[in-house]
Protein backbone atom coordinates (compact mmCIF):
# COMPACT_ATOMS: atom_id res chain seq x y z
CA MET A 1 25.54 -5.52 10.74
CA LYS A 2 27.64 -4.01 13.51
CA LEU A 3 26.47 -1.30 15.58
CA ASP A 4 28.80 1.20 18.21
CA PRO A 5 28.36 4.09 19.69
CA ASN A 6 30.80 6.02 17.07
CA SER A 7 28.19 4.67 14.20
CA CYS A 8 24.83 4.98 15.67
CA LEU A 9 24.86 7.79 18.06
CA PRO A 10 24.18 11.73 17.46
CA THR A 11 27.87 13.97 16.55
CA ASP A 12 27.66 15.29 19.58
CA GLY A 13 27.26 12.09 21.27
CA THR A 14 25.04 11.63 24.59
CA ALA A 15 25.00 15.13 24.94
CA GLY A 16 21.36 15.97 24.36
CA ALA A 17 18.27 14.20 25.36
CA LEU A 18 18.28 10.87 24.44
CA ALA A 19 15.86 8.65 25.60
CA GLY A 20 15.44 4.71 24.31
CA ARG A 21 13.57 1.54 24.89
CA ILE A 22 15.66 -1.84 25.30
CA TRP A 23 14.37 -5.47 25.87
CA ARG A 24 15.77 -7.09 29.48
CA PRO A 25 15.52 -10.62 29.37
CA ASP A 26 16.24 -10.97 33.80
CA VAL A 27 12.55 -9.21 33.29
CA ASP A 28 11.12 -10.82 30.62
CA GLY A 29 10.41 -7.25 28.92
CA PRO A 30 10.97 -3.57 27.97
CA SER A 31 12.39 -0.76 30.14
CA VAL A 32 12.14 2.56 29.06
CA VAL A 33 16.47 3.75 29.00
CA ALA A 34 18.09 7.15 29.76
CA LEU A 35 22.03 7.54 27.49
CA ARG A 36 24.52 9.25 30.38
CA GLY A 37 27.57 9.10 28.55
CA ASN A 38 28.62 5.04 27.91
CA ASP A 39 25.85 3.80 30.69
CA VAL A 40 22.27 3.15 29.61
CA LEU A 41 19.75 3.65 32.77
CA ASP A 42 16.98 1.59 33.13
CA ILE A 43 13.83 4.91 34.03
CA THR A 44 10.58 2.56 34.16
CA PRO A 45 10.31 2.86 37.81
CA CYS A 46 10.10 7.27 36.39
CA PHE A 47 8.37 6.50 33.52
CA ALA A 48 6.41 3.02 32.92
CA THR A 49 6.14 3.42 28.69
CA MET A 50 7.91 5.80 26.25
CA ARG A 51 4.47 7.26 25.49
CA ASP A 52 4.61 8.37 29.72
CA LEU A 53 7.35 10.34 29.18
CA CYS A 54 6.67 12.47 26.23
CA GLU A 55 3.35 13.53 27.59
CA ALA A 56 5.73 14.82 29.92
CA PRO A 57 5.38 18.78 30.47
CA ASP A 58 9.01 19.11 29.68
CA PRO A 59 10.27 15.83 28.81
CA ALA A 60 13.52 16.75 28.08
CA ALA A 61 14.42 17.81 31.58
CA ALA A 62 12.25 14.62 33.28
CA LEU A 63 14.45 12.27 31.49
CA GLN A 64 17.35 14.59 33.03
CA MET A 65 15.56 14.24 36.21
CA ALA A 66 14.90 10.83 35.96
CA LYS A 67 16.70 8.39 38.58
CA GLY A 68 17.57 5.20 37.17
CA GLN A 69 19.32 1.89 37.73
CA ARG A 70 22.32 1.42 35.31
CA VAL A 71 21.74 -1.88 33.23
CA THR A 72 24.15 -2.03 30.37
CA SER A 73 27.22 -0.04 28.80
CA LEU A 74 25.88 1.77 25.54
CA ALA A 75 28.73 -0.27 23.36
CA GLU A 76 27.60 -3.67 24.48
CA LEU A 77 23.96 -2.72 24.35
CA LEU A 78 24.25 -2.02 20.52
CA ALA A 79 27.04 -4.81 20.22
CA ASN A 80 24.15 -7.80 21.44
CA THR A 81 21.37 -5.97 18.78
CA PRO A 82 21.76 -7.72 16.00
CA ALA A 83 20.32 -11.03 16.01
CA GLU A 84 23.04 -12.83 14.20
CA SER A 85 25.67 -11.67 16.98
CA ARG A 86 22.94 -11.56 20.06
CA ASN A 87 23.21 -13.23 23.18
CA PRO A 88 19.57 -13.78 24.50
CA ALA A 89 20.57 -13.43 27.84
CA LEU A 90 21.82 -10.06 27.94
CA PRO A 91 19.56 -6.25 27.01
CA TRP A 92 19.34 -5.30 22.91
CA LEU A 93 17.84 -2.23 21.62
CA LEU A 94 14.56 -1.66 20.63
CA ALA A 95 12.49 0.87 18.39
CA PRO A 96 11.87 3.96 21.35
CA LEU A 97 8.14 3.89 21.27
CA ASP A 98 5.32 2.27 22.37
CA LEU A 99 2.03 2.75 22.74
CA GLN A 100 2.00 5.66 20.56
CA ALA A 101 -0.36 5.74 16.53
CA VAL A 102 1.68 4.58 14.33
CA LYS A 103 1.31 7.39 11.26
CA ALA A 104 3.11 9.10 8.33
CA ALA A 105 2.58 11.72 5.52
CA GLY A 106 2.92 11.16 2.35
CA VAL A 107 3.80 13.18 -1.12
CA THR A 108 4.83 15.41 1.08
CA PHE A 109 8.12 16.67 -1.30
CA ALA A 110 8.03 17.98 -5.40
CA VAL A 111 10.46 15.14 -6.25
CA SER A 112 8.45 12.11 -4.40
CA MET A 113 5.34 13.71 -6.24
CA LEU A 114 6.37 13.35 -8.98
CA GLU A 115 7.45 9.91 -8.59
CA ARG A 116 4.24 8.97 -6.67
CA VAL A 117 2.21 10.07 -10.49
CA ILE A 118 4.93 8.02 -12.47
CA GLU A 119 4.20 4.92 -10.52
CA GLU A 120 0.76 5.15 -11.12
CA ARG A 121 0.84 5.71 -14.92
CA ALA A 122 3.75 2.64 -14.83
CA ARG A 123 0.81 0.66 -12.75
CA GLY A 124 3.82 -1.21 -10.88
CA ASN A 125 5.59 -1.58 -13.97
CA PRO A 126 9.22 -0.29 -13.35
CA ALA A 127 10.26 -0.76 -17.60
CA ALA A 128 7.66 2.03 -18.24
CA ALA A 129 8.75 4.20 -15.17
CA ALA A 130 11.82 5.51 -17.49
CA ALA A 131 9.54 6.73 -20.30
CA ILE A 132 6.56 7.88 -18.01
CA ARG A 133 9.35 10.27 -16.24
CA THR A 134 10.55 12.37 -19.21
CA GLU A 135 6.74 13.15 -19.98
CA ILE A 136 5.52 14.25 -16.76
CA VAL A 137 8.93 15.88 -16.02
CA ALA A 138 7.83 17.74 -19.20
CA LEU A 139 4.64 18.44 -18.68
CA VAL A 140 5.14 20.10 -14.73
CA GLY A 141 8.24 20.92 -14.11
CA ASP A 142 10.36 18.76 -11.51
CA ASP A 143 10.70 22.10 -8.61
CA LEU A 144 7.67 22.29 -7.35
CA SER A 145 9.49 23.65 -3.73
CA LYS A 146 8.29 26.70 -4.15
CA LEU A 147 4.49 26.26 -4.50
CA LYS A 148 2.35 26.08 -1.92
CA PRO A 149 0.07 23.46 -1.43
CA GLY A 150 -3.91 24.87 -1.05
CA SER A 151 -2.53 28.30 -2.59
CA PRO A 152 -4.13 30.07 -5.73
CA GLN A 153 -0.96 29.46 -7.80
CA ALA A 154 -1.25 25.10 -7.02
CA MET A 155 -4.87 25.48 -8.03
CA ALA A 156 -4.67 26.85 -11.16
CA LEU A 157 -1.67 24.61 -11.75
CA LYS A 158 -4.81 21.98 -10.78
CA ASP A 159 -7.13 23.48 -13.18
CA VAL A 160 -4.27 23.48 -16.04
CA LEU A 161 -3.21 19.23 -15.38
CA ILE A 162 -6.37 18.08 -14.97
CA ALA A 163 -6.93 19.58 -18.63
CA GLN A 164 -4.74 18.04 -20.42
CA GLY A 165 -5.40 14.62 -18.50
CA ALA A 166 -2.22 14.66 -16.55
CA TRP A 167 -4.39 14.89 -13.31
CA SER A 168 -3.22 12.22 -10.08
CA GLN A 169 -4.65 11.28 -7.12
CA TYR A 170 -0.94 11.93 -6.08
CA LEU A 171 -0.76 15.70 -6.94
CA GLU A 172 -4.01 16.24 -5.40
CA VAL A 173 -2.10 15.53 -1.77
CA GLY A 174 1.04 16.98 -3.09
CA ILE A 175 -0.53 20.14 -4.25
CA GLY A 176 -3.97 20.53 -2.94
CA PRO A 177 -4.99 21.95 0.81
CA ASP A 178 -5.55 18.63 2.06
CA ALA A 179 -2.24 16.55 3.21
CA GLU A 180 -2.12 12.53 2.58
CA ILE A 181 -2.07 11.20 6.57
CA PHE A 182 -2.06 7.61 6.92
CA THR A 183 -1.59 5.23 9.29
CA LYS A 184 2.00 3.05 8.88
CA THR A 185 1.93 0.22 11.58
CA THR A 186 0.02 -0.62 14.34
CA PRO A 187 1.32 0.54 18.50
CA MET A 188 4.37 -1.83 19.33
CA ALA A 189 5.01 -3.18 15.90
CA ALA A 190 8.02 -1.05 14.64
CA VAL A 191 11.57 -2.94 14.42
CA GLY A 192 14.27 -0.51 16.52
CA CYS A 193 17.93 0.21 14.79
CA GLY A 194 20.17 -3.71 13.83
CA PHE A 195 17.32 -5.48 13.53
CA ASP A 196 16.12 -6.86 10.02
CA ALA A 197 13.41 -4.61 8.14
CA GLY A 198 10.29 -6.68 5.81
CA LEU A 199 9.33 -6.85 2.56
CA HIS A 200 6.76 -8.44 1.31
CA PRO A 201 7.71 -11.55 -0.35
CA ALA A 202 5.32 -10.74 -3.29
CA SER A 203 6.88 -7.18 -4.17
CA THR A 204 9.49 -6.80 -6.87
CA TRP A 205 10.00 -3.39 -6.71
CA ASN A 206 10.75 -1.78 -3.39
CA ASN A 207 12.74 1.05 -2.25
CA PRO A 208 13.54 2.86 1.27
CA GLU A 209 12.20 5.77 2.49
CA PRO A 210 14.42 7.68 4.60
CA GLU A 211 12.47 9.94 6.84
CA VAL A 212 12.52 11.69 10.89
CA VAL A 213 9.76 10.89 12.34
CA VAL A 214 8.75 13.34 14.76
CA ALA A 215 6.90 12.50 18.62
CA VAL A 216 3.78 14.43 19.53
CA ASN A 217 2.27 13.79 22.92
CA SER A 218 -2.03 13.46 23.44
CA ARG A 219 -1.96 17.96 22.84
CA GLY A 220 -0.21 17.49 19.82
CA GLN A 221 2.74 19.63 20.51
CA ILE A 222 5.92 17.76 18.71
CA VAL A 223 8.24 17.05 21.37
CA GLY A 224 11.05 15.28 19.86
CA ALA A 225 12.58 13.33 16.95
CA THR A 226 14.34 9.92 15.67
CA LEU A 227 14.80 8.49 12.34
CA GLY A 228 12.42 5.80 10.23
CA ASN A 229 12.05 3.38 7.40
CA ASP A 230 8.86 3.55 5.84
CA VAL A 231 9.56 1.01 3.31
CA ASN A 232 7.73 1.32 0.30
CA LEU A 233 6.07 -1.28 -2.27
CA ARG A 234 6.36 0.62 -5.47
CA ASP A 235 4.57 -2.43 -7.80
CA PHE A 236 1.75 -2.72 -4.75
CA GLU A 237 0.96 1.06 -4.90
CA GLY A 238 1.49 1.64 -8.16
CA ARG A 239 -0.91 -1.08 -8.85
CA SER A 240 -4.14 0.71 -6.95
CA ALA A 241 -3.73 3.20 -4.16
CA LEU A 242 -6.54 1.31 -2.34
CA LEU A 243 -3.28 -0.88 -1.70
CA LEU A 244 -1.54 1.42 0.59
CA GLY A 245 -1.89 -0.47 3.49
CA LYS A 246 -0.64 -4.31 1.67
CA SER A 247 1.89 -1.99 0.58
CA LYS A 248 3.46 -0.54 3.84
CA ASP A 249 2.14 -2.24 7.12
CA ASN A 250 3.63 -5.96 6.49
CA ASN A 251 5.19 -7.38 9.57
CA ALA A 252 8.68 -5.84 10.55
CA SER A 253 8.05 -3.24 7.34
CA THR A 254 8.42 0.04 10.09
CA ALA A 255 11.93 0.69 11.30
CA ILE A 256 12.64 3.47 13.79
CA GLY A 257 15.19 4.58 15.96
CA PRO A 258 18.07 4.47 17.22
CA PHE A 259 16.93 6.69 20.25
CA MET A 260 14.53 9.67 20.85
CA ARG A 261 15.86 13.20 20.91
CA PHE A 262 13.36 15.42 22.87
CA PHE A 263 13.89 19.19 22.09
CA ASP A 264 16.28 21.22 24.66
CA ALA A 265 18.67 23.82 23.93
CA SER A 266 20.60 21.55 22.11
CA PHE A 267 18.35 19.93 19.76
CA SER A 268 14.63 22.45 18.83
CA LEU A 269 12.51 21.77 15.72
CA ASP A 270 14.21 24.12 13.90
CA HIS A 271 17.11 21.49 13.82
CA VAL A 272 14.60 19.06 11.90
CA ARG A 273 12.96 21.12 9.88
CA GLN A 274 16.85 22.66 8.58
CA ALA A 275 17.95 18.14 8.86
CA SER A 276 19.55 16.56 5.88
CA ILE A 277 18.84 12.77 5.82
CA SER A 278 21.53 11.02 4.20
CA LEU A 279 20.59 7.14 2.59
CA THR A 280 23.08 4.69 2.33
CA VAL A 281 21.69 0.75 0.52
CA THR A 282 24.53 -1.72 0.22
CA GLY A 283 24.17 -5.30 -1.08
CA ASN A 284 25.76 -8.35 -1.16
CA ASP A 285 26.24 -7.71 -5.17
CA GLY A 286 28.30 -5.27 -4.54
CA PHE A 287 25.35 -2.23 -5.77
CA THR A 288 25.54 0.58 -3.37
CA LEU A 289 22.90 3.19 -3.91
CA GLU A 290 23.52 6.38 -1.43
CA GLY A 291 20.71 9.61 -1.82
CA VAL A 292 19.94 12.80 0.45
CA SER A 293 16.95 14.20 1.48
CA HIS A 294 16.77 17.53 2.64
CA LEU A 295 13.88 18.79 5.01
CA SER A 296 14.45 22.22 4.09
CA GLN A 297 12.62 21.10 0.32
CA ILE A 298 9.47 19.97 2.23
CA SER A 299 6.01 21.27 1.02
CA ARG A 300 3.98 21.43 3.84
CA ASP A 301 5.84 22.77 7.34
CA PRO A 302 5.67 19.86 10.41
CA VAL A 303 3.66 21.60 12.53
CA ASP A 304 1.02 21.42 9.30
CA LEU A 305 1.19 18.25 9.44
CA VAL A 306 0.72 17.38 12.52
CA ALA A 307 -1.97 19.64 12.91
CA GLN A 308 -3.69 17.40 9.66
CA MET A 309 -3.26 14.59 11.93
CA MET A 310 -4.74 15.49 14.62
CA GLY A 311 -6.59 18.29 16.75
CA PRO A 312 -10.64 18.86 17.17
CA HIS A 313 -11.51 16.31 14.45
CA HIS A 314 -8.97 13.66 15.66
CA GLN A 315 -7.61 12.69 18.62
CA TYR A 316 -4.89 10.55 20.25
CA PRO A 317 -4.73 10.05 23.68
CA ASP A 318 -1.53 8.29 23.89
CA GLY A 319 0.18 10.74 21.65
CA ALA A 320 1.41 9.32 18.22
CA VAL A 321 4.78 9.47 15.72
CA LEU A 322 4.69 11.02 12.55
CA PHE A 323 6.71 9.91 9.26
CA LEU A 324 7.71 13.38 7.51
CA GLY A 325 7.98 12.18 4.15
CA THR A 326 10.64 11.91 2.02
CA MET A 327 12.25 13.38 -1.28
CA PHE A 328 14.01 10.20 -2.21
CA ALA A 329 12.92 8.30 -4.52
CA PRO A 330 15.67 6.05 -6.26
CA VAL A 331 16.37 5.42 -9.92
CA LYS A 332 19.90 4.13 -10.05
CA ASP A 333 19.36 1.19 -12.46
CA ARG A 334 20.13 -2.25 -10.49
CA ASP A 335 20.23 -5.25 -13.12
CA THR A 336 19.11 -4.11 -15.85
CA VAL A 337 18.88 -0.47 -17.96
CA GLY A 338 15.64 1.49 -17.48
CA GLY A 339 14.90 -1.06 -15.09
CA GLY A 340 15.46 1.19 -11.66
CA PHE A 341 16.11 -0.16 -8.47
CA THR A 342 14.52 -2.21 -6.23
CA HIS A 343 16.08 -3.95 -3.00
CA LYS A 344 17.61 -7.40 -2.41
CA ASP A 345 18.02 -10.07 0.25
CA GLU A 346 19.80 -8.94 2.87
CA ASP A 347 20.43 -5.26 1.81
CA ILE A 348 21.85 -2.73 4.75
CA VAL A 349 19.77 0.33 4.68
CA THR A 350 21.44 3.01 7.21
CA ILE A 351 19.55 6.09 7.43
CA SER A 352 21.54 9.27 9.12
CA THR A 353 21.60 12.50 9.94
CA PRO A 354 23.91 14.58 12.33
CA LYS A 355 21.41 15.20 15.36
CA LEU A 356 19.81 11.83 14.80
CA GLY A 357 22.81 9.17 14.34
CA ALA A 358 21.99 6.80 12.57
CA LEU A 359 19.50 4.43 11.63
CA VAL A 360 21.03 0.58 10.22
CA ASN A 361 19.09 -2.57 9.25
CA ARG A 362 19.01 -5.57 7.27
CA MET A 363 16.85 -6.08 4.36
CA LYS A 364 14.58 -9.49 4.00
CA ARG A 365 11.10 -11.02 3.50
CA SER A 366 8.59 -10.04 5.97
CA ASP A 367 7.98 -13.74 6.53
CA GLN A 368 11.27 -14.65 7.27
CA CYS A 369 11.78 -11.74 9.71
CA PRO A 370 10.79 -12.99 13.25
CA PRO A 371 6.77 -12.79 14.09
CA TRP A 372 5.27 -9.69 15.82
CA ALA A 373 4.57 -11.28 18.90
CA PHE A 374 4.99 -8.68 21.90
CA GLY A 375 1.82 -6.26 21.71
CA THR A 376 0.08 -4.29 24.17
CA ALA A 377 -1.75 -6.74 25.87
CA GLN A 378 1.46 -8.39 26.75
CA LEU A 379 3.44 -5.05 27.90
CA MET A 380 0.82 -4.08 30.11
CA ARG A 381 1.21 -8.00 31.62
CA ASN A 382 4.89 -7.89 32.04
CA LEU A 383 5.15 -4.47 33.41
CA ALA A 384 1.72 -5.19 36.14
CA LYS A 385 4.12 -8.17 37.41
CA ARG A 386 7.39 -5.93 37.37
CA GLY A 387 5.56 -3.15 39.66
CA VAL A 388 5.83 -0.02 37.43
CA LEU A 389 2.65 0.44 36.74
């Protein structure tokens, strides 16, 4: 992987309110940074954590006003981030979140909903998926984007499917009143742009899930967004929905970045609602996979998803980030006809959209990715030692 500002930044460069986190070897810990032109400024004395910045009344304005120390240039930071080319004496990029809970919404698009039904019916066997896909589409169609979850029309469709023996728990959260909201991983565990992203070594049918990730403060307000890869093990989850935790939360299996873009005059929630998320997978075997996910086709608005995640029924004093879900479910054959797609070691995954830039990761077995060793306790001790708490 080779990272540079041209490939990673939004199309309007650093004109927006962009913040991130970097590892500083000279202080043996992470710092919150602001991007201003090609300069990376350490603003940790103003905001010790990204959580604190998200809690500001107006994070974009607070970021603009924060004074900081120049640490490096953006080009140098990005070039030094991939592990294979990293100088451990120089700073590198981290995921742009720290103390926030990491949550995800599932089955928020009609296409991905149908693929979850297929996974369940196939019991994790990709060879059986093609025939089941044809059967399911013939029964329910492949365009449910206009069907509002929980509406009388959706409930009527539910009754029809139950009568025909085709009901599924995935259809329940896809068109029923309650969204699927689950914990993707624990705070501090996500990897950033330029890192290896993990796949459980026992999985043989898996794929990337390109998504927008919104930042939500403790008051339930969406304050910004970034990109994420909600890596999915289709064989694990297909065998049993109770394996969701094992499917979703493994070492390095949550990738988020490259930077957090806060809402201001140049970027709003409406930009998120209209975003098109592009995906490219390139393998050492010459295989290329491309796809796109349009947030305009989402079945549940981001505000509705956040309201189901938190409120009087559930509080997050450190805020949260929420993966909004994906409509992308790859079916392109990679090795054999009817075998579908699955990752291979060292696949390069690029997830991008004009307003948020590009998140780039290399896929590896999760037991071959660097182990997660710097958690919340280490963060608090490091910040206290530096005198910024």
